Amino acid sequence: EAPDVSRRKLKYEFASGAVYDGEWKAAKFNGKGTYTLTSGDVYSGGFLNGKQHGYGGLQYADSRRYEGAWRHGKRHGKGTLHFGDTDEHASKFVGSWNENVQHGEGELHLLSGQVLKTIWRLGHPTYPAVLHWASGSRYIGDLSEDFQREGFGICIYSNCDRYYGSWALDKRHGRGMFVTSKGTEYNGEWQDDLMEGKGTLRFGTDESTFYGKFSGDWNEVLDVSGNFRLAQQDNAMRTLRMSTSRGDKWDCFFSMRLLNDELNEQAAVLNEMINRPRSSSQDSADPLGAGSTAASGGSVRDDLQKILYCRNHPLGKLLAEFASIFEALYYRPEEHYMHLATAVDDLQAFMHLMSGSFIRKFLGCQALMNDDCTEVLQAVLFPEIYSTLFALYNLKYEQQNAQIQTCIQVLLEQPLLDRMRVCGIDEQYHKTVEEMLDSDIKLKAIDLDPSADLTPFQGAVNALRELSVRQTVGGKLSCIKQAARRVETLLKKLIDNFGADEFLPMFCFAMLHAGMPELYSECAFMEDFMEDDLRFSVYGYMLAQLQVAAGF
């Protein structure tokens, strides 16, 4: 066999003193080799056309060492940079590189023992920083240049206790809330990692509350003076409270982010837009409708949506930072599924502070209705965190979802008449319903988009199927309402006068054919985040119908 002469291996010393020992091709470094520079840097690994390419290691003269992927002479891909004695804070970086700088997921291992895990952009860590301790504790929030906790941050301790609040010099300092894994919470002043000053202590097993001054360490000696309110006797044996005082845990976050936050030019223009004179306005009768409108151009709701989407506006920036914090807190849902109640409380507490009255006061816009603010807030915030939040629901209710899905699959394998009997549809309507369903199928064959009035059953099924792709409570409730209207249209073709006894079986029948995935999770999500005023409206009734149908 003839030798491959296209690539040769030899050792060559340049006039500058640099030495290359490895494979050559076309008078350039190609293949495996070791290149020693006059600076003292030594690279050993792959080459392509004279440049580092593929996998290789570079030992710098200043004690740094990089091992990982290269592309055209630059660190690119997965790799590890050991800092040697060149960095006073970190020992190494492990993660993704792009054109010689950290870019993508990466871990910075600090000399103090913590690991900073976050997404990097062009060599800089993005907000929020996430610090991990070997004990299992985590910190999500602001950091100083020397990687100490500074500003607002959340610390989740290894025993599942949590702290939301202000930090200084790596210690709890200022205003903050400490919540134990048992639900007991302290909301008040801190100094040098100790409870020091005015505060409120609520116990997790009941509503007993202590108001006063505190001094000391939570885990050791704690001096208190003030007033104690004992819980009512009928509440003394109630179950563990997992929710915190509404909004208190994010109070520090709001005040630190919005205090003395000067408006830039773009934010000022947006504020002028939402406060511009309007020649006419009209409140939507539907709480999930279009909102307040104005003939002078656009709606108040549209203007608010622009503000919340704008990261150069204080409210938009606040919303974006909260979404980033939430994603960092529950980044891997499979590790935090037991914390669904805490995640829901985090979100509810934030939304409670970001209320209609707060937004109206902050923007100085009295034309904004509470429904406008709630709907726009959900429309902007929920899509940012939905996949992570809903994954928590699916992990928590995996067994319930599987049971419903198995039941649906078994029923769908049964003959049509048996399905109607199981759903409770009166036998006198079986033949008519069967004919209507057959008519729906025939109409679909000649018209891919027939009127929902002509195919009401298929319209109801399609509306329920769309529920799983909607990412807000309002969007999901609208799907249920639309499906209910289609069922009503179907029933009007069968019966002159009908009530719940006729509606629920037909609604169950439509839900069965929709084959909705994660149905239990869907209901739990809507139940957690439906506004109180909607619970007593047609939307609350429709959700109740869906829940009954799911458990039928």
Protein backbone atom coordinates (compact mmCIF):
# COMPACT_ATOMS: atom_id res chain seq x y z
CA GLU A 1 0.00 0.00 0.00
CA ALA A 2 1.38 3.38 -1.02
CA PRO A 3 2.20 5.77 1.87
CA ASP A 4 0.04 8.91 2.32
CA VAL A 5 2.40 11.69 1.33
CA SER A 6 -0.29 14.43 1.46
CA ARG A 7 0.27 14.84 5.23
CA ARG A 8 3.70 14.67 6.76
CA LYS A 9 4.88 14.75 10.36
CA LEU A 10 7.98 16.69 11.30
CA LYS A 11 9.45 19.08 13.83
CA TYR A 12 10.28 22.61 12.75
CA GLU A 13 11.88 25.52 14.61
CA PHE A 14 11.09 28.99 13.31
CA ALA A 15 13.57 31.86 13.26
CA SER A 16 11.54 33.56 16.01
CA GLY A 17 12.25 30.63 18.30
CA ALA A 18 8.74 29.10 18.10
CA VAL A 19 8.67 25.32 17.60
CA TYR A 20 6.04 23.14 15.89
CA ASP A 21 6.10 19.37 16.20
CA GLY A 22 3.31 17.57 14.37
CA GLU A 23 1.46 17.00 11.12
CA TRP A 24 1.72 19.28 8.07
CA LYS A 25 -0.22 19.61 4.88
CA ALA A 26 0.12 22.16 2.09
CA ALA A 27 2.88 23.92 4.08
CA LYS A 28 0.55 24.58 7.02
CA PHE A 29 -0.16 22.96 10.38
CA ASN A 30 -2.86 20.36 9.67
CA GLY A 31 -3.79 17.48 11.96
CA LYS A 32 -2.35 16.75 15.39
CA GLY A 33 0.55 18.73 16.71
CA THR A 34 2.23 20.72 19.47
CA TYR A 35 3.08 24.38 19.00
CA THR A 36 5.39 26.14 21.47
CA LEU A 37 5.40 29.94 21.15
CA THR A 38 8.17 32.30 22.17
CA SER A 39 5.84 33.76 24.83
CA GLY A 40 5.96 30.41 26.61
CA ASP A 41 2.41 29.38 25.62
CA VAL A 42 2.16 25.73 24.52
CA TYR A 43 -0.75 24.36 22.47
CA SER A 44 -1.26 20.67 21.86
CA GLY A 45 -4.16 19.41 19.78
CA GLY A 46 -5.82 19.75 16.41
CA PHE A 47 -4.93 22.19 13.64
CA LEU A 48 -6.58 23.26 10.40
CA ASN A 49 -4.76 25.42 7.90
CA GLY A 50 -2.30 26.68 10.47
CA LYS A 51 -4.82 27.48 13.24
CA GLN A 52 -6.06 25.64 16.33
CA HIS A 53 -9.13 23.66 15.33
CA GLY A 54 -11.04 20.79 16.90
CA TYR A 55 -10.07 19.61 20.38
CA GLY A 56 -6.93 20.89 22.05
CA GLY A 57 -5.26 22.24 25.15
CA LEU A 58 -3.39 25.51 25.56
CA GLN A 59 -1.08 26.04 28.53
CA TYR A 60 -0.48 29.76 28.93
CA ALA A 61 2.76 31.10 30.30
CA ASP A 62 0.84 33.02 32.99
CA SER A 63 -0.42 29.69 34.53
CA ARG A 64 -3.82 29.65 32.80
CA ARG A 65 -4.82 26.47 30.94
CA TYR A 66 -7.64 25.89 28.43
CA GLU A 67 -8.89 22.46 27.39
CA GLY A 68 -11.75 22.08 24.95
CA ALA A 69 -13.04 22.95 21.50
CA TRP A 70 -11.43 25.37 19.04
CA ARG A 71 -12.49 26.82 15.73
CA HIS A 72 -10.17 28.67 13.37
CA GLY A 73 -7.74 29.65 16.11
CA LYS A 74 -10.29 30.69 18.76
CA ARG A 75 -11.93 29.03 21.75
CA HIS A 76 -15.32 27.96 20.40
CA GLY A 77 -17.70 25.31 21.75
CA LYS A 78 -17.46 23.45 25.04
CA GLY A 79 -14.34 24.00 27.06
CA THR A 80 -12.71 24.60 30.45
CA LEU A 81 -10.44 27.51 31.29
CA HIS A 82 -8.36 27.10 34.46
CA PHE A 83 -7.28 30.50 35.75
CA GLY A 84 -4.26 29.36 37.70
CA ASP A 85 -3.07 32.21 39.89
CA THR A 86 -4.29 34.95 37.52
CA ASP A 87 -7.73 35.44 39.08
CA GLU A 88 -8.28 36.43 42.72
CA HIS A 89 -11.90 35.19 42.77
CA ALA A 90 -12.29 32.12 40.52
CA SER A 91 -10.43 28.88 39.82
CA LYS A 92 -12.00 27.88 36.48
CA PHE A 93 -14.80 28.38 33.97
CA VAL A 94 -16.60 25.37 32.50
CA GLY A 95 -19.05 25.95 29.68
CA SER A 96 -19.67 27.30 26.19
CA TRP A 97 -17.41 29.63 24.23
CA ASN A 98 -17.93 31.74 21.13
CA GLU A 99 -15.06 33.49 19.37
CA ASN A 100 -12.80 33.36 22.46
CA VAL A 101 -15.39 34.61 25.00
CA GLN A 102 -17.86 32.83 27.28
CA HIS A 103 -21.23 32.58 25.54
CA GLY A 104 -24.08 30.25 26.50
CA GLU A 105 -24.47 28.07 29.58
CA GLY A 106 -21.48 28.11 31.88
CA GLU A 107 -20.21 27.56 35.40
CA LEU A 108 -17.70 29.80 37.16
CA HIS A 109 -16.04 27.96 40.05
CA LEU A 110 -15.12 30.45 42.77
CA LEU A 111 -12.19 30.10 45.16
CA SER A 112 -14.63 30.50 48.05
CA GLY A 113 -16.24 27.18 47.06
CA GLN A 114 -19.43 28.40 45.39
CA VAL A 115 -20.28 27.80 41.74
CA LEU A 116 -21.87 30.56 39.66
CA LYS A 117 -24.21 28.96 37.12
CA THR A 118 -25.89 31.17 34.55
CA ILE A 119 -26.19 32.08 30.88
CA TRP A 120 -23.27 34.10 29.53
CA ARG A 121 -23.48 36.66 26.76
CA LEU A 122 -20.29 37.88 25.06
CA GLY A 123 -18.14 37.18 28.10
CA HIS A 124 -20.51 38.49 30.78
CA PRO A 125 -22.98 36.64 33.04
CA THR A 126 -26.63 37.54 32.46
CA TYR A 127 -29.14 38.42 35.17
CA PRO A 128 -29.88 36.83 37.52
CA ALA A 129 -26.72 35.28 38.86
CA VAL A 130 -27.23 31.85 40.45
CA LEU A 131 -24.77 30.76 43.13
CA HIS A 132 -24.63 27.14 44.28
CA TRP A 133 -23.09 25.78 47.48
CA ALA A 134 -21.90 22.23 48.00
CA SER A 135 -24.46 21.93 50.81
CA GLY A 136 -27.29 22.35 48.31
CA SER A 137 -28.10 25.99 49.11
CA ARG A 138 -28.70 28.38 46.20
CA TYR A 139 -28.74 32.16 45.74
CA ILE A 140 -30.50 33.97 42.88
CA GLY A 141 -30.03 37.70 42.56
CA ASP A 142 -27.57 40.59 42.47
CA LEU A 143 -23.83 40.17 42.96
CA SER A 144 -20.98 42.60 43.53
CA GLU A 145 -17.92 42.63 41.28
CA ASP A 146 -16.15 40.29 43.69
CA PHE A 147 -19.13 37.88 43.59
CA GLN A 148 -20.57 38.68 47.01
CA ARG A 149 -24.33 38.85 47.51
CA GLU A 150 -25.21 42.52 47.14
CA GLY A 151 -28.57 44.16 46.43
CA PHE A 152 -31.75 42.13 46.03
CA GLY A 153 -31.56 38.37 46.15
CA ILE A 154 -33.26 35.12 47.11
CA CYS A 155 -31.45 32.43 49.06
CA ILE A 156 -32.88 28.90 49.18
CA TYR A 157 -31.12 27.01 51.97
CA SER A 158 -30.44 23.29 51.97
CA ASN A 159 -33.29 22.70 54.46
CA CYS A 160 -35.71 24.53 52.10
CA ASP A 161 -35.89 27.71 54.22
CA ARG A 162 -35.92 30.85 52.04
CA TYR A 163 -34.94 34.49 52.28
CA TYR A 164 -36.25 37.21 49.94
CA GLY A 165 -34.73 40.61 50.42
CA SER A 166 -31.76 42.94 50.66
CA TRP A 167 -28.10 41.89 50.95
CA ALA A 168 -24.89 43.76 51.71
CA LEU A 169 -21.34 42.37 51.91
CA ASP A 170 -22.66 38.82 51.46
CA LYS A 171 -25.04 39.12 54.45
CA ARG A 172 -28.76 39.70 54.90
CA HIS A 173 -28.96 43.42 55.52
CA GLY A 174 -31.91 45.79 55.17
CA ARG A 175 -35.50 44.74 54.53
CA GLY A 176 -36.32 41.10 53.87
CA MET A 177 -38.60 38.13 54.45
CA PHE A 178 -37.39 34.81 55.87
CA VAL A 179 -39.73 31.85 55.31
CA THR A 180 -39.11 28.44 56.88
CA SER A 181 -39.96 25.14 55.22
CA LYS A 182 -42.85 24.88 57.72
CA GLY A 183 -44.39 28.14 56.55
CA THR A 184 -43.39 30.37 59.49
CA GLU A 185 -42.26 33.75 58.20
CA TYR A 186 -40.42 36.81 59.51
CA ASN A 187 -40.84 40.01 57.53
CA GLY A 188 -38.75 42.88 58.80
CA GLU A 189 -35.36 44.47 59.24
CA TRP A 190 -31.99 42.71 59.13
CA GLN A 191 -28.46 43.74 60.01
CA ASP A 192 -25.26 41.72 59.43
CA ASP A 193 -27.22 38.49 58.86
CA LEU A 194 -29.26 38.94 62.08
CA MET A 195 -32.88 39.93 62.69
CA GLU A 196 -32.47 43.45 63.97
CA GLY A 197 -35.30 46.01 64.17
CA LYS A 198 -39.01 46.14 63.53
CA GLY A 199 -40.73 43.15 62.02
CA THR A 200 -43.66 40.75 61.94
CA LEU A 201 -43.51 37.05 62.75
CA ARG A 202 -46.30 34.77 61.46
CA PHE A 203 -46.45 31.11 62.42
CA GLY A 204 -46.99 28.54 59.70
CA THR A 205 -49.36 26.25 61.57
CA ASP A 206 -51.91 28.97 62.36
CA GLU A 207 -52.48 32.72 62.10
CA SER A 208 -50.72 33.62 65.37
CA THR A 209 -48.68 36.78 64.76
CA PHE A 210 -46.07 38.73 66.69
CA TYR A 211 -45.55 42.45 65.94
CA GLY A 212 -42.59 44.25 67.46
CA LYS A 213 -38.82 44.54 67.64
CA PHE A 214 -36.49 41.61 67.06
CA SER A 215 -32.81 41.11 67.83
CA GLY A 216 -30.73 37.99 67.32
CA ASP A 217 -30.20 34.87 65.27
CA TRP A 218 -33.17 32.80 64.11
CA ASN A 219 -31.36 29.55 64.89
CA GLU A 220 -29.97 30.62 68.27
CA VAL A 221 -31.05 33.28 70.78
CA LEU A 222 -33.74 35.73 69.67
CA ASP A 223 -34.87 38.69 71.81
CA VAL A 224 -38.36 40.02 71.02
CA SER A 225 -40.57 42.76 72.41
CA GLY A 226 -43.98 43.84 71.17
CA ASN A 227 -47.52 42.54 70.76
CA PHE A 228 -48.65 38.97 70.21
CA ARG A 229 -51.96 38.06 68.56
CA LEU A 230 -53.04 34.49 69.20
CA ALA A 231 -54.86 32.68 66.42
CA GLN A 232 -58.55 31.98 66.74
CA GLN A 233 -59.21 28.66 68.39
CA ASP A 234 -60.90 27.18 65.31
CA ASN A 235 -57.77 27.91 63.27
CA ALA A 236 -55.32 26.45 65.75
CA MET A 237 -55.37 22.95 64.25
CA ARG A 238 -55.59 23.96 60.61
CA THR A 239 -53.25 22.51 57.99
CA LEU A 240 -49.82 23.91 57.23
CA ARG A 241 -49.95 27.29 55.51
CA MET A 242 -47.64 27.36 52.48
CA SER A 243 -48.54 30.84 51.18
CA THR A 244 -46.91 34.00 52.48
CA SER A 245 -48.51 37.35 53.30
CA ARG A 246 -49.73 38.67 49.97
CA GLY A 247 -46.94 40.49 48.18
CA ASP A 248 -44.61 40.91 51.18
CA LYS A 249 -41.84 38.70 49.80
CA TRP A 250 -41.43 40.96 46.72
CA ASP A 251 -41.90 44.28 48.52
CA CYS A 252 -38.13 44.77 48.79
CA PHE A 253 -37.68 43.87 45.12
CA PHE A 254 -40.19 46.51 44.05
CA SER A 255 -38.76 49.25 46.25
CA MET A 256 -35.14 48.58 45.25
CA ARG A 257 -35.91 48.42 41.53
CA LEU A 258 -38.34 51.34 41.30
CA LEU A 259 -36.91 53.72 43.89
CA ASN A 260 -35.53 56.85 42.18
CA ASP A 261 -35.61 55.07 38.81
CA GLU A 262 -35.40 57.97 36.36
CA LEU A 263 -37.43 57.71 33.18
CA ASN A 264 -35.47 57.54 29.95
CA GLU A 265 -36.78 59.13 26.78
CA GLN A 266 -38.55 55.99 25.53
CA ALA A 267 -40.26 55.39 28.89
CA ALA A 268 -41.36 59.04 29.07
CA VAL A 269 -42.95 58.79 25.61
CA LEU A 270 -44.82 55.63 26.61
CA ASN A 271 -46.13 57.33 29.75
CA GLU A 272 -47.35 60.27 27.68
CA MET A 273 -49.13 57.90 25.29
CA ILE A 274 -51.10 56.12 28.00
CA ASN A 275 -52.05 59.43 29.63
CA ARG A 276 -53.01 61.24 26.43
CA PRO A 277 -56.49 62.82 26.28
CA ARG A 278 -59.09 60.45 24.87
CA SER A 279 -62.17 61.68 23.12
CA SER A 280 -64.24 58.65 24.13
CA SER A 281 -63.84 55.48 26.11
CA GLN A 282 -65.78 52.33 26.58
CA ASP A 283 -65.29 49.59 29.14
CA SER A 284 -65.60 46.08 27.83
CA ALA A 285 -68.50 44.16 29.30
CA ASP A 286 -66.49 40.99 28.94
CA PRO A 287 -63.68 40.77 31.53
CA LEU A 288 -61.65 38.85 28.96
CA GLY A 289 -62.56 41.21 26.16
CA ALA A 290 -60.84 44.02 24.33
CA GLY A 291 -60.59 46.44 27.25
CA SER A 292 -61.00 50.21 27.35
CA THR A 293 -60.93 51.80 23.90
CA ALA A 294 -60.57 55.33 22.66
CA ALA A 295 -61.41 57.04 19.42
CA SER A 296 -58.20 59.06 19.65
CA GLY A 297 -56.19 55.99 18.66
CA GLY A 298 -55.74 52.58 20.27
CA SER A 299 -56.83 51.38 23.68
CA VAL A 300 -55.52 51.99 27.17
CA ARG A 301 -54.84 48.27 27.34
CA ASP A 302 -52.70 48.41 24.19
CA ASP A 303 -50.66 51.27 25.65
CA LEU A 304 -50.14 49.37 28.89
CA GLN A 305 -49.03 46.31 26.96
CA LYS A 306 -46.38 48.37 25.15
CA ILE A 307 -45.11 49.60 28.53
CA LEU A 308 -44.87 46.12 30.05
CA TYR A 309 -43.10 44.77 26.97
CA CYS A 310 -40.56 47.62 26.99
CA ARG A 311 -37.41 46.71 28.93
CA ASN A 312 -36.36 50.35 28.95
CA HIS A 313 -39.43 51.24 31.01
CA PRO A 314 -39.17 50.68 34.79
CA LEU A 315 -42.31 48.47 34.84
CA GLY A 316 -41.24 46.49 31.79
CA LYS A 317 -37.77 46.00 33.24
CA LEU A 318 -39.25 44.94 36.57
CA LEU A 319 -41.44 42.36 34.84
CA ALA A 320 -38.56 41.00 32.76
CA GLU A 321 -36.31 40.67 35.82
CA PHE A 322 -39.01 38.84 37.77
CA ALA A 323 -39.49 36.40 34.87
CA SER A 324 -35.73 35.77 34.81
CA ILE A 325 -35.68 35.19 38.58
CA PHE A 326 -38.63 32.79 38.36
CA GLU A 327 -36.96 30.82 35.56
CA ALA A 328 -33.73 30.62 37.58
CA LEU A 329 -35.59 29.50 40.71
CA TYR A 330 -37.34 26.62 38.93
CA TYR A 331 -34.96 26.07 36.01
CA ARG A 332 -35.11 22.28 36.22
CA PRO A 333 -38.73 21.52 37.18
CA GLU A 334 -37.98 17.84 37.82
CA GLU A 335 -35.80 18.96 40.76
CA HIS A 336 -38.41 21.34 42.19
CA TYR A 337 -41.79 19.70 41.55
CA MET A 338 -42.36 19.43 45.30
CA HIS A 339 -42.18 23.23 45.37
CA LEU A 340 -45.22 23.88 43.16
CA ALA A 341 -47.01 25.57 46.06
CA THR A 342 -44.03 27.88 46.58
CA ALA A 343 -43.81 28.66 42.86
CA VAL A 344 -47.51 29.51 42.74
CA ASP A 345 -47.12 31.67 45.84
CA ASP A 346 -44.12 33.46 44.29
CA LEU A 347 -46.18 34.30 41.22
CA GLN A 348 -49.37 35.22 43.07
CA ALA A 349 -47.45 37.43 45.50
CA PHE A 350 -45.75 39.30 42.64
CA MET A 351 -49.03 39.78 40.78
CA HIS A 352 -50.70 40.97 43.99
CA LEU A 353 -48.14 43.78 44.25
CA MET A 354 -48.37 44.50 40.51
CA SER A 355 -52.05 45.30 40.99
CA GLY A 356 -54.26 47.66 39.07
CA SER A 357 -54.10 50.26 41.84
CA PHE A 358 -50.27 50.11 41.88
CA ILE A 359 -50.00 50.44 38.08
CA ARG A 360 -52.52 53.30 37.98
CA LYS A 361 -50.61 55.17 40.68
CA PHE A 362 -47.19 54.53 39.15
CA LEU A 363 -48.28 55.65 35.66
CA GLY A 364 -50.70 58.29 36.86
CA CYS A 365 -53.35 56.85 34.54
CA GLN A 366 -56.80 56.68 36.10
CA ALA A 367 -58.34 55.34 32.87
CA LEU A 368 -56.85 51.91 33.55
CA MET A 369 -59.32 49.39 34.96
CA ASN A 370 -58.27 46.52 37.23
CA ASP A 371 -59.36 44.01 34.58
CA ASP A 372 -57.16 45.77 32.01
CA CYS A 373 -54.11 45.53 34.27
CA THR A 374 -54.66 41.89 35.22
CA GLU A 375 -55.22 40.71 31.66
CA VAL A 376 -52.27 42.61 30.21
CA LEU A 377 -49.99 41.51 33.06
CA GLN A 378 -50.87 37.87 32.44
CA ALA A 379 -50.56 38.27 28.67
CA VAL A 380 -47.01 39.65 29.00
CA LEU A 381 -45.71 37.61 31.95
CA PHE A 382 -47.19 34.13 31.59
CA PRO A 383 -45.71 33.27 28.14
CA GLU A 384 -42.24 34.01 29.58
CA ILE A 385 -42.57 31.51 32.42
CA TYR A 386 -45.34 29.20 31.21
CA SER A 387 -43.24 26.21 30.12
CA THR A 388 -41.41 26.08 33.45
CA LEU A 389 -44.53 26.70 35.53
CA PHE A 390 -46.69 24.18 33.69
CA ALA A 391 -43.93 21.58 33.88
CA LEU A 392 -44.20 21.89 37.67
CA TYR A 393 -47.95 21.22 37.43
CA ASN A 394 -47.43 18.19 35.19
CA LEU A 395 -44.82 16.71 37.51
CA LYS A 396 -46.98 17.34 40.58
CA TYR A 397 -50.10 15.88 39.00
CA GLU A 398 -48.49 13.25 36.80
CA GLN A 399 -50.54 10.42 38.31
CA GLN A 400 -53.87 12.26 38.01
CA ASN A 401 -53.17 13.25 34.41
CA ALA A 402 -52.22 9.68 33.52
CA GLN A 403 -55.40 8.28 35.10
CA ILE A 404 -57.63 10.66 33.13
CA GLN A 405 -55.74 10.01 29.88
CA THR A 406 -55.97 6.24 30.34
CA CYS A 407 -59.70 6.51 30.99
CA ILE A 408 -60.19 8.63 27.86
CA GLN A 409 -58.23 6.18 25.70
CA VAL A 410 -60.28 3.25 26.98
CA LEU A 411 -63.55 5.05 26.31
CA LEU A 412 -62.53 6.16 22.82
CA GLU A 413 -62.03 2.50 21.91
CA GLN A 414 -65.68 1.81 22.75
CA PRO A 415 -68.51 2.06 20.17
CA LEU A 416 -70.07 5.50 19.78
CA LEU A 417 -73.35 4.56 21.48
CA ASP A 418 -71.50 3.17 24.49
CA ARG A 419 -69.55 6.43 24.77
CA MET A 420 -72.78 8.39 24.82
CA ARG A 421 -74.21 6.14 27.52
CA VAL A 422 -71.10 6.53 29.69
CA CYS A 423 -71.31 10.33 29.38
CA GLY A 424 -74.96 10.22 30.42
CA ILE A 425 -76.61 11.38 27.17
CA ASP A 426 -80.29 10.40 27.14
CA GLU A 427 -80.91 7.42 24.85
CA GLN A 428 -83.71 9.23 23.01
CA TYR A 429 -81.07 11.55 21.53
CA HIS A 430 -78.50 8.89 20.60
CA LYS A 431 -79.62 8.44 17.01
CA THR A 432 -79.91 12.17 16.37
CA VAL A 433 -76.50 12.87 17.85
CA GLU A 434 -74.98 10.08 15.77
CA GLU A 435 -76.51 11.57 12.61
CA MET A 436 -75.23 15.04 13.50
CA LEU A 437 -71.72 13.75 14.08
CA ASP A 438 -71.83 11.92 10.76
CA SER A 439 -72.99 15.14 9.13
CA ASP A 440 -70.06 17.00 10.69
CA ILE A 441 -67.62 14.49 9.18
CA LYS A 442 -69.20 14.70 5.72
CA LEU A 443 -69.19 18.50 5.80
CA LYS A 444 -65.53 18.50 6.85
CA ALA A 445 -64.74 16.34 3.81
CA ILE A 446 -65.97 19.02 1.39
CA ASP A 447 -65.19 22.14 3.45
CA LEU A 448 -61.96 22.27 5.46
CA ASP A 449 -63.18 25.27 7.47
CA PRO A 450 -66.96 24.98 7.87
CA SER A 451 -68.95 27.33 10.08
CA ALA A 452 -69.00 26.35 13.75
CA ASP A 453 -72.79 26.68 13.63
CA LEU A 454 -72.90 24.03 10.90
CA THR A 455 -70.56 21.70 12.81
CA PRO A 456 -71.17 22.58 16.48
CA PHE A 457 -69.84 19.35 17.95
CA GLN A 458 -66.57 19.51 16.04
CA GLY A 459 -66.37 23.19 16.93
CA ALA A 460 -66.64 22.34 20.63
CA VAL A 461 -63.97 19.66 20.29
CA ASN A 462 -61.59 22.02 18.46
CA ALA A 463 -62.11 24.77 21.05
CA LEU A 464 -61.21 22.37 23.89
CA ARG A 465 -58.15 21.14 22.00
CA GLU A 466 -56.94 24.71 21.64
CA LEU A 467 -57.00 25.16 25.41
CA SER A 468 -53.68 23.34 25.83
CA VAL A 469 -51.80 25.81 23.60
CA ARG A 470 -53.11 28.93 25.34
CA GLN A 471 -50.72 30.28 27.97
CA THR A 472 -52.94 32.57 30.04
CA VAL A 473 -55.92 31.91 32.26
CA GLY A 474 -58.03 34.27 30.15
CA GLY A 475 -57.10 32.45 26.95
CA LYS A 476 -57.93 29.06 28.41
CA LEU A 477 -61.23 30.25 29.86
CA SER A 478 -62.19 31.71 26.49
CA CYS A 479 -61.66 28.26 24.92
CA ILE A 480 -63.95 26.68 27.52
CA LYS A 481 -66.61 29.34 26.94
CA GLN A 482 -66.40 28.89 23.19
CA ALA A 483 -66.77 25.12 23.57
CA ALA A 484 -69.77 25.64 25.84
CA ARG A 485 -71.43 27.85 23.23
CA ARG A 486 -70.93 25.18 20.59
CA VAL A 487 -72.48 22.58 22.90
CA GLU A 488 -75.44 24.91 23.46
CA THR A 489 -75.83 25.26 19.68
CA LEU A 490 -75.86 21.49 19.38
CA LEU A 491 -78.44 21.09 22.15
CA LYS A 492 -80.73 23.69 20.57
CA LYS A 493 -80.95 21.43 17.55
CA LEU A 494 -82.05 18.59 19.82
CA ILE A 495 -84.18 20.16 22.55
CA ASP A 496 -86.32 23.28 22.77
CA ASN A 497 -85.49 23.87 26.42
CA PHE A 498 -82.45 22.36 28.12
CA GLY A 499 -80.64 22.73 31.43
CA ALA A 500 -77.59 21.45 33.28
CA ASP A 501 -78.87 17.87 33.15
CA GLU A 502 -78.61 17.95 29.36
CA PHE A 503 -75.64 20.30 29.04
CA LEU A 504 -73.12 18.46 31.26
CA PRO A 505 -73.39 15.04 29.51
CA MET A 506 -72.93 16.64 26.08
CA PHE A 507 -70.02 18.75 27.37
CA CYS A 508 -68.41 15.57 28.79
CA PHE A 509 -68.91 13.92 25.40
CA ALA A 510 -67.10 16.77 23.63
CA MET A 511 -64.31 16.75 26.20
CA LEU A 512 -63.89 12.99 25.73
CA HIS A 513 -63.41 13.40 21.96
CA ALA A 514 -61.03 16.34 22.42
CA GLY A 515 -58.56 14.03 24.20
CA MET A 516 -57.05 16.96 26.10
CA PRO A 517 -53.55 16.20 27.48
CA GLU A 518 -52.71 17.09 31.09
CA LEU A 519 -56.34 17.92 31.80
CA TYR A 520 -55.93 17.81 35.58
CA SER A 521 -52.97 20.22 35.37
CA GLU A 522 -54.99 22.57 33.15
CA CYS A 523 -57.80 22.75 35.70
CA ALA A 524 -55.39 23.24 38.61
CA PHE A 525 -53.57 26.05 36.77
CA MET A 526 -56.80 27.92 36.03
CA GLU A 527 -58.04 27.40 39.57
CA ASP A 528 -54.84 28.89 41.03
CA PHE A 529 -54.71 32.01 38.87
CA MET A 530 -58.34 32.86 38.15
CA GLU A 531 -59.28 36.26 39.55
CA ASP A 532 -61.84 36.21 42.36
CA ASP A 533 -64.40 38.24 40.41
CA LEU A 534 -64.24 35.71 37.55
CA ARG A 535 -65.02 32.82 39.89
CA PHE A 536 -68.55 34.14 40.31
CA SER A 537 -69.04 34.86 36.60
CA VAL A 538 -69.84 32.64 33.64
CA TYR A 539 -66.13 31.76 33.46
CA GLY A 540 -66.10 30.33 36.95
CA TYR A 541 -69.16 28.29 36.08
CA MET A 542 -67.51 26.98 32.89
CA LEU A 543 -64.36 25.98 34.77
CA ALA A 544 -66.52 24.14 37.28
CA GLN A 545 -68.20 22.32 34.38
CA LEU A 546 -64.83 21.29 32.99
CA GLN A 547 -63.68 20.06 36.41
CA VAL A 548 -66.87 18.04 36.83
CA ALA A 549 -66.48 16.62 33.33
CA ALA A 550 -62.85 15.67 34.03
CA GLY A 551 -63.89 13.74 37.11
CA PHE A 552 -66.97 12.21 35.53
